[in-house]
Amino acid sequence: MNVRRLIPTAATAGAVTLGLLALSACSTSDAAGVDGDGRLKVSASFYPMQYLAEQIGGANVSVTPLTKPGVEPHDLELKPRQTAELNDSGLILYLKGVQPAVDKAIEQSGVKYKVDATTLTRLEHFDTAGGHDHGHEEGHEGETEAEHEEHAAEGEAGHEEHQDEAGADPHVWLDPVKYAEVAKGVGAQMEKADPDHAADYRKNTDALVAKLTALHTDFEQGLRNSSTKTFITTHSAFGYLAERYDLEQEGIAGVDPESEPSPARIKELQGIAKKDKVTTVFFETLASDKTAKTLASDTGLRTDVLDPLEGITDRSKGDDYIEVMRSNLAALQKALGAK
């Protein structure tokens, strides 16, 4: 092939090169992170993040959940297709510490807007029983509300300040108040990623926060007076919820739902159940109920579901976060003898 016939001069070659570069820049910046309908493409690590993205983004976003319904999120391994979808996002929403494989993929991603929910509220440490370890309070202690909202809006930029949160309980979404804090931060980041629809994101964020505030009020009033404050659960995911509503969580295992309890812990729980007049051993929908049923059988207690809302399935007692949380409230009221 005679190259000179196609590109006769250096000037023409330069023009062609510049044109191709311009076209490439357009396709990788203007179109990157946006679907065919012009919606912001959001990758959400698992259901609590997916719910925020859908509620706040509304019609202006296309949400891809990395964790499919029925999959236990802690052990998720990403397939190449999922990694490609992640890297094609306009915004990634995740909660660091829940899914190691997802955390690693996000760290390696070049996506500009990576929103780690752990930077949008204060994480805390709880012991196996769910009690608060006050020696580990970090982050936003002493902030005014305005200062807290400013910190939340910083999103990923505040991540370095939270490096000392390693080992903290990540289940902030089970406290409606903390979840509302996260929602505000997510809304602020969506406004930055897609400023053309900032007003919509603000409106949707306000609406979601109002729902979560109403949910908090229902929990606060519904659990105020009860025969006991102690509940036993297979998965120690409810530390924030217990602290918010003055309850005592006794976990059979730890924060990791797959961890096995020791014989000493089982014996201890049997004593606690008798002393604190516990009526119910709770289990979750995405993990085995074997340990819960064994303990319940040995102690003469009943079992019920207390859903940590890591995913919605056909076994969930509700179709979304709000509905399942209200089912959790009803289960706690029954178990605790709420009046």
Foldseek 3Di string as FASTA:
>chain_A
DPVCVVPVDPVSVVVVVVVVVVVVCCCCPVVQQADPVRAGEEEEAFALRQQLCCLLRPPRYDYDYQDDFLDQRQADAGDPVSLVSVLRHQAYEYAPPRHVNVVVSVVPHPRDHYFHLCQQAWFFAAPQFLHGDVVPTDDCPPHDPVVSLVSLLVGPVSVVRCPVCPPTQRLQVLQLVSSLSSSSSVLSSVCVSPVVCNVSSVVSSVVSNVLSVVLNVCLQVQLQDFLFQEAEEQASNCSVVSVSNVGTGGHQGGNPSPDHHDPVSLVVVLVVCVVRVFAEYEYEDSDDCVVRVVSCVVNVHYYDYQYSPRRDDPPQQDDGDSRSSVVNSVVCCVRRVGD
